[in-house]
Amino acid sequence: MPKASEIKKNAAVEYNGSVYFVRDIERSVPQGRAGGSIYRMRMYDVVTGAKLDESFKDSDMLTLADLVRRPSTLSYIDGDEYVFMDSEDYSSYNINKDAIADEILFINEEIQGLQVLLVNDAAVAIELPTTVELEITETDPSIKGQSATSRTKPATLSTGLVIQVPEHISTGDRIKINVEERKFTGRV
């Protein structure tokens, strides 16, 4: 059983008889106390999708739920449902668009290293690789030799995500993006 300070984003925990998926963690250090940090976690019930905001002391013990990661690929989109196919046994997993709203901006048909997270044999979320490759669909024209400093400009990617890229990058280029930081890391 890990302490609250050891819980990471995208972990599944059992709390009050239900399984919750940790979406966001905020750490705060109260002033004037001789104690430790407080961890405020935004969690979602894997069955109902109900949101729960709960605060834990850094020494509080939490129980991790059985979380299974399955390598998968995006098969197709059916309305608000994203359907992923298991890369090993070809079973399909349906996940509602709202459950993976943050990850949708990084998903295209060619994504490699995608994993579907299962709790009690139910698909609850996806886990993206650390970097993804996407194509730039719109950005200002590149200007060569304009400046020695590293200035950036906004670029719209094929999934609709807008990030800052160096000035020498142009429309049609394929680039790598760090998923966690939502930042440009290089050309493909």
C-alpha atoms as a PDB file:
ATOM      1  CA  MET A   1       0.000   0.000   0.000  1.00  0.00           C
ATOM      2  CA  PRO A   2       1.642   3.241  -1.103  1.00  0.00           C
ATOM      3  CA  LYS A   3       1.456   6.538   0.738  1.00  0.00           C
ATOM      4  CA  ALA A   4      -0.495   9.432  -0.797  1.00  0.00           C
ATOM      5  CA  SER A   5       2.820  11.108  -1.655  1.00  0.00           C
ATOM      6  CA  GLU A   6       3.746   8.116  -3.863  1.00  0.00           C
ATOM      7  CA  ILE A   7       0.547   8.129  -5.945  1.00  0.00           C
ATOM      8  CA  LYS A   8       1.056   9.341  -9.507  1.00  0.00           C
ATOM      9  CA  LYS A   9      -1.325  10.770 -12.081  1.00  0.00           C
ATOM     10  CA  ASN A  10      -3.281   8.071 -14.004  1.00  0.00           C
ATOM     11  CA  ALA A  11      -3.135   5.626 -11.085  1.00  0.00           C
ATOM     12  CA  ALA A  12      -6.193   3.623 -10.059  1.00  0.00           C
ATOM     13  CA  VAL A  13      -6.963   3.593  -6.332  1.00  0.00           C
ATOM     14  CA  GLU A  14      -9.594   1.955  -4.198  1.00  0.00           C
ATOM     15  CA  TYR A  15     -11.300   4.463  -1.911  1.00  0.00           C
ATOM     16  CA  ASN A  16     -14.582   4.184   0.055  1.00  0.00           C
ATOM     17  CA  GLY A  17     -15.436   0.879  -1.613  1.00  0.00           C
ATOM     18  CA  SER A  18     -15.094   2.173  -5.191  1.00  0.00           C
ATOM     19  CA  VAL A  19     -12.302   2.287  -7.733  1.00  0.00           C
ATOM     20  CA  TYR A  20     -11.187   5.772  -8.753  1.00  0.00           C
ATOM     21  CA  PHE A  21      -8.874   6.922 -11.496  1.00  0.00           C
ATOM     22  CA  VAL A  22      -6.559   9.767 -10.399  1.00  0.00           C
ATOM     23  CA  ARG A  23      -6.644  12.498 -13.065  1.00  0.00           C
ATOM     24  CA  ASP A  24      -4.887  15.369 -11.312  1.00  0.00           C
ATOM     25  CA  ILE A  25      -2.732  15.825  -8.217  1.00  0.00           C
ATOM     26  CA  GLU A  26      -2.007  19.136  -6.544  1.00  0.00           C
ATOM     27  CA  ARG A  27       0.563  19.336  -3.751  1.00  0.00           C
ATOM     28  CA  SER A  28       0.446  22.072  -1.132  1.00  0.00           C
ATOM     29  CA  VAL A  29       2.500  22.745   1.964  1.00  0.00           C
ATOM     30  CA  PRO A  30       0.425  24.439   4.689  1.00  0.00           C
ATOM     31  CA  GLN A  31       2.185  27.279   6.498  1.00  0.00           C
ATOM     32  CA  GLY A  32       2.556  27.284  10.251  1.00  0.00           C
ATOM     33  CA  ARG A  33       2.313  23.531  10.659  1.00  0.00           C
ATOM     34  CA  ALA A  34       4.944  21.068  11.657  1.00  0.00           C
ATOM     35  CA  GLY A  35       3.350  18.454   9.426  1.00  0.00           C
ATOM     36  CA  GLY A  36       3.915  17.385   5.868  1.00  0.00           C
ATOM     37  CA  SER A  37       2.374  18.154   2.546  1.00  0.00           C
ATOM     38  CA  ILE A  38      -1.278  17.895   1.581  1.00  0.00           C
ATOM     39  CA  TYR A  39      -2.124  16.134  -1.694  1.00  0.00           C
ATOM     40  CA  ARG A  40      -5.397  17.193  -3.309  1.00  0.00           C
ATOM     41  CA  MET A  41      -6.465  14.590  -5.835  1.00  0.00           C
ATOM     42  CA  ARG A  42      -9.140  14.905  -8.487  1.00  0.00           C
ATOM     43  CA  MET A  43     -10.458  11.402  -9.036  1.00  0.00           C
ATOM     44  CA  TYR A  44     -13.144   9.898 -11.257  1.00  0.00           C
ATOM     45  CA  ASP A  45     -15.168   6.787 -10.478  1.00  0.00           C
ATOM     46  CA  VAL A  46     -14.321   4.217 -13.156  1.00  0.00           C
ATOM     47  CA  VAL A  47     -17.880   2.900 -13.274  1.00  0.00           C
ATOM     48  CA  THR A  48     -20.073   6.005 -13.034  1.00  0.00           C
ATOM     49  CA  GLY A  49     -17.576   8.692 -14.067  1.00  0.00           C
ATOM     50  CA  ALA A  50     -18.512  10.759 -10.988  1.00  0.00           C
ATOM     51  CA  LYS A  51     -15.870  13.291  -9.955  1.00  0.00           C
ATOM     52  CA  LEU A  52     -14.415  13.282  -6.449  1.00  0.00           C
ATOM     53  CA  ASP A  53     -11.998  15.858  -5.029  1.00  0.00           C
ATOM     54  CA  GLU A  54     -10.267  14.545  -1.946  1.00  0.00           C
ATOM     55  CA  SER A  55      -7.305  15.727   0.146  1.00  0.00           C
ATOM     56  CA  PHE A  56      -4.805  13.386   1.765  1.00  0.00           C
ATOM     57  CA  LYS A  57      -1.856  13.882   4.105  1.00  0.00           C
ATOM     58  CA  ASP A  58       1.431  12.699   2.640  1.00  0.00           C
ATOM     59  CA  SER A  59       1.527   9.774   5.093  1.00  0.00           C
ATOM     60  CA  ASP A  60      -2.057   8.528   4.386  1.00  0.00           C
ATOM     61  CA  MET A  61      -2.054   5.000   2.994  1.00  0.00           C
ATOM     62  CA  LEU A  62      -4.055   4.259  -0.166  1.00  0.00           C
ATOM     63  CA  THR A  63      -4.802   0.964  -1.873  1.00  0.00           C
ATOM     64  CA  LEU A  64      -3.931   0.623  -5.539  1.00  0.00           C
ATOM     65  CA  ALA A  65      -6.556  -1.077  -7.688  1.00  0.00           C
ATOM     66  CA  ASP A  66      -5.667  -3.817 -10.143  1.00  0.00           C
ATOM     67  CA  LEU A  67      -4.790  -1.868 -13.259  1.00  0.00           C
ATOM     68  CA  VAL A  68      -4.003  -3.720 -16.475  1.00  0.00           C
ATOM     69  CA  ARG A  69      -2.290  -2.031 -19.412  1.00  0.00           C
ATOM     70  CA  ARG A  70      -2.992  -3.466 -22.878  1.00  0.00           C
ATOM     71  CA  PRO A  71      -1.127  -2.315 -26.009  1.00  0.00           C
ATOM     72  CA  SER A  72      -3.735  -1.031 -28.446  1.00  0.00           C
ATOM     73  CA  THR A  73      -4.369   1.012 -31.559  1.00  0.00           C
ATOM     74  CA  LEU A  74      -7.171   3.402 -32.471  1.00  0.00           C
ATOM     75  CA  SER A  75      -9.634   1.420 -34.580  1.00  0.00           C
ATOM     76  CA  TYR A  76     -12.404   3.943 -35.276  1.00  0.00           C
ATOM     77  CA  ILE A  77     -14.568   6.688 -33.779  1.00  0.00           C
ATOM     78  CA  ASP A  78     -18.293   6.059 -33.359  1.00  0.00           C
ATOM     79  CA  GLY A  79     -20.007   9.282 -32.281  1.00  0.00           C
ATOM     80  CA  ASP A  80     -18.773   9.989 -28.730  1.00  0.00           C
ATOM     81  CA  GLU A  81     -17.159   6.565 -28.408  1.00  0.00           C
ATOM     82  CA  TYR A  82     -13.537   5.884 -29.333  1.00  0.00           C
ATOM     83  CA  VAL A  83     -12.949   2.224 -30.172  1.00  0.00           C
ATOM     84  CA  PHE A  84      -9.472   0.805 -29.588  1.00  0.00           C
ATOM     85  CA  MET A  85      -8.284  -2.623 -30.728  1.00  0.00           C
ATOM     86  CA  ASP A  86      -5.973  -4.730 -28.580  1.00  0.00           C
ATOM     87  CA  SER A  87      -2.708  -5.313 -30.461  1.00  0.00           C
ATOM     88  CA  GLU A  88      -2.290  -8.835 -29.072  1.00  0.00           C
ATOM     89  CA  ASP A  89      -5.714 -10.547 -28.939  1.00  0.00           C
ATOM     90  CA  TYR A  90      -7.668  -8.129 -31.217  1.00  0.00           C
ATOM     91  CA  SER A  91     -10.436  -7.495 -28.675  1.00  0.00           C
ATOM     92  CA  SER A  92     -12.025  -4.050 -28.781  1.00  0.00           C
ATOM     93  CA  TYR A  93     -12.373  -1.467 -26.014  1.00  0.00           C
ATOM     94  CA  ASN A  94     -14.904   1.382 -26.103  1.00  0.00           C
ATOM     95  CA  ILE A  95     -14.023   4.562 -24.219  1.00  0.00           C
ATOM     96  CA  ASN A  96     -16.228   7.638 -24.017  1.00  0.00           C
ATOM     97  CA  LYS A  97     -14.793  10.843 -25.474  1.00  0.00           C
ATOM     98  CA  ASP A  98     -15.221  12.690 -22.136  1.00  0.00           C
ATOM     99  CA  ALA A  99     -13.040  10.148 -20.287  1.00  0.00           C
ATOM    100  CA  ILE A 100     -10.080  10.797 -22.600  1.00  0.00           C
ATOM    101  CA  ALA A 101     -10.659  14.483 -23.469  1.00  0.00           C
ATOM    102  CA  ASP A 102      -7.054  15.494 -22.647  1.00  0.00           C
ATOM    103  CA  GLU A 103      -5.527  12.663 -24.680  1.00  0.00           C
ATOM    104  CA  ILE A 104      -7.665  13.092 -27.828  1.00  0.00           C
ATOM    105  CA  LEU A 105      -5.484  15.970 -29.042  1.00  0.00           C
ATOM    106  CA  PHE A 106      -2.515  13.580 -29.368  1.00  0.00           C
ATOM    107  CA  ILE A 107      -4.271  10.643 -31.052  1.00  0.00           C
ATOM    108  CA  ASN A 108      -4.163   9.912 -34.759  1.00  0.00           C
ATOM    109  CA  GLU A 109      -4.381   6.687 -36.783  1.00  0.00           C
ATOM    110  CA  GLU A 110      -0.592   6.179 -36.843  1.00  0.00           C
ATOM    111  CA  ILE A 111       0.124   6.543 -33.108  1.00  0.00           C
ATOM    112  CA  GLN A 112       2.506   3.922 -31.736  1.00  0.00           C
ATOM    113  CA  GLY A 113       2.870   2.865 -28.084  1.00  0.00           C
ATOM    114  CA  LEU A 114      -0.734   3.582 -27.027  1.00  0.00           C
ATOM    115  CA  GLN A 115      -2.067   1.540 -24.094  1.00  0.00           C
ATOM    116  CA  VAL A 116      -5.618   1.055 -22.856  1.00  0.00           C
ATOM    117  CA  LEU A 117      -5.961   0.917 -19.069  1.00  0.00           C
ATOM    118  CA  LEU A 118      -8.355  -1.711 -17.725  1.00  0.00           C
ATOM    119  CA  VAL A 119      -9.812  -1.911 -14.221  1.00  0.00           C
ATOM    120  CA  ASN A 120     -11.881  -5.032 -13.525  1.00  0.00           C
ATOM    121  CA  ASP A 121     -11.839  -5.818 -17.289  1.00  0.00           C
ATOM    122  CA  ALA A 122     -13.439  -2.446 -18.115  1.00  0.00           C
ATOM    123  CA  ALA A 123     -11.569   0.095 -20.242  1.00  0.00           C
ATOM    124  CA  VAL A 124     -11.308   3.302 -18.201  1.00  0.00           C
ATOM    125  CA  ALA A 125      -8.560   5.372 -19.843  1.00  0.00           C
ATOM    126  CA  ILE A 126      -5.657   5.411 -22.238  1.00  0.00           C
ATOM    127  CA  GLU A 127      -1.973   5.987 -21.663  1.00  0.00           C
ATOM    128  CA  LEU A 128      -0.019   7.777 -24.363  1.00  0.00           C
ATOM    129  CA  PRO A 129       3.670   7.315 -25.174  1.00  0.00           C
ATOM    130  CA  THR A 130       6.014  10.055 -23.931  1.00  0.00           C
ATOM    131  CA  THR A 131       6.302  11.568 -27.426  1.00  0.00           C
ATOM    132  CA  VAL A 132       3.981  11.501 -30.432  1.00  0.00           C
ATOM    133  CA  GLU A 133       4.504  12.447 -34.082  1.00  0.00           C
ATOM    134  CA  LEU A 134       1.981  14.790 -35.702  1.00  0.00           C
ATOM    135  CA  GLU A 135       1.806  16.875 -38.871  1.00  0.00           C
ATOM    136  CA  ILE A 136       1.518  20.658 -38.893  1.00  0.00           C
ATOM    137  CA  THR A 137      -1.568  21.738 -40.837  1.00  0.00           C
ATOM    138  CA  GLU A 138      -1.265  25.493 -40.354  1.00  0.00           C
ATOM    139  CA  THR A 139       1.431  27.915 -39.258  1.00  0.00           C
ATOM    140  CA  ASP A 140       2.936  31.191 -40.382  1.00  0.00           C
ATOM    141  CA  PRO A 141       5.487  30.922 -43.212  1.00  0.00           C
ATOM    142  CA  SER A 142       9.029  30.152 -42.145  1.00  0.00           C
ATOM    143  CA  ILE A 143      11.539  32.998 -42.347  1.00  0.00           C
ATOM    144  CA  LYS A 144      15.181  32.020 -42.793  1.00  0.00           C
ATOM    145  CA  GLY A 145      17.965  34.035 -41.247  1.00  0.00           C
ATOM    146  CA  GLN A 146      15.677  36.477 -39.499  1.00  0.00           C
ATOM    147  CA  SER A 147      17.112  36.180 -36.013  1.00  0.00           C
ATOM    148  CA  ALA A 148      19.817  34.438 -34.039  1.00  0.00           C
ATOM    149  CA  THR A 149      17.502  34.032 -31.060  1.00  0.00           C
ATOM    150  CA  SER A 150      15.133  31.117 -30.722  1.00  0.00           C
ATOM    151  CA  ARG A 151      11.736  32.680 -31.248  1.00  0.00           C
ATOM    152  CA  THR A 152       8.587  30.647 -31.607  1.00  0.00           C
ATOM    153  CA  LYS A 153       5.261  30.861 -33.409  1.00  0.00           C
ATOM    154  CA  PRO A 154       1.937  29.013 -32.951  1.00  0.00           C
ATOM    155  CA  ALA A 155       1.273  25.952 -35.097  1.00  0.00           C
ATOM    156  CA  THR A 156      -1.961  23.993 -35.502  1.00  0.00           C
ATOM    157  CA  LEU A 157      -1.467  20.229 -35.755  1.00  0.00           C
ATOM    158  CA  SER A 158      -3.527  17.610 -37.608  1.00  0.00           C
ATOM    159  CA  THR A 159      -5.466  16.764 -34.410  1.00  0.00           C
ATOM    160  CA  GLY A 160      -6.366  20.409 -33.651  1.00  0.00           C
ATOM    161  CA  LEU A 161      -3.725  20.871 -30.940  1.00  0.00           C
ATOM    162  CA  VAL A 162      -1.968  24.255 -31.019  1.00  0.00           C
ATOM    163  CA  ILE A 163       1.623  24.431 -29.741  1.00  0.00           C
ATOM    164  CA  GLN A 164       4.590  26.777 -30.068  1.00  0.00           C
ATOM    165  CA  VAL A 165       7.242  25.767 -32.625  1.00  0.00           C
ATOM    166  CA  PRO A 166      10.522  27.389 -33.745  1.00  0.00           C
ATOM    167  CA  GLU A 167      10.270  29.911 -36.590  1.00  0.00           C
ATOM    168  CA  HIS A 168      12.003  27.644 -39.138  1.00  0.00           C
ATOM    169  CA  ILE A 169       9.232  25.000 -38.982  1.00  0.00           C
ATOM    170  CA  SER A 170       6.636  25.221 -41.766  1.00  0.00           C
ATOM    171  CA  THR A 171       3.233  23.817 -42.748  1.00  0.00           C
ATOM    172  CA  GLY A 172       3.402  20.138 -43.741  1.00  0.00           C
ATOM    173  CA  ASP A 173       6.357  19.286 -41.477  1.00  0.00           C
ATOM    174  CA  ARG A 174       6.054  16.267 -39.183  1.00  0.00           C
ATOM    175  CA  ILE A 175       7.202  17.019 -35.645  1.00  0.00           C
ATOM    176  CA  LYS A 176       7.623  15.242 -32.304  1.00  0.00           C
ATOM    177  CA  ILE A 177       5.701  16.562 -29.305  1.00  0.00           C
ATOM    178  CA  ASN A 178       6.329  15.798 -25.626  1.00  0.00           C
ATOM    179  CA  VAL A 179       2.879  14.719 -24.406  1.00  0.00           C
ATOM    180  CA  GLU A 180       3.367  15.621 -20.730  1.00  0.00           C
ATOM    181  CA  GLU A 181       4.633  19.157 -21.380  1.00  0.00           C
ATOM    182  CA  ARG A 182       2.758  19.741 -24.680  1.00  0.00           C
ATOM    183  CA  LYS A 183       5.975  21.048 -26.206  1.00  0.00           C
ATOM    184  CA  PHE A 184       7.816  20.729 -29.505  1.00  0.00           C
ATOM    185  CA  THR A 185      10.831  18.407 -29.218  1.00  0.00           C
ATOM    186  CA  GLY A 186      12.050  18.155 -32.822  1.00  0.00           C
ATOM    187  CA  ARG A 187      11.365  17.301 -36.438  1.00  0.00           C
ATOM    188  CA  VAL A 188      10.687  13.752 -37.522  1.00  0.00           C
END
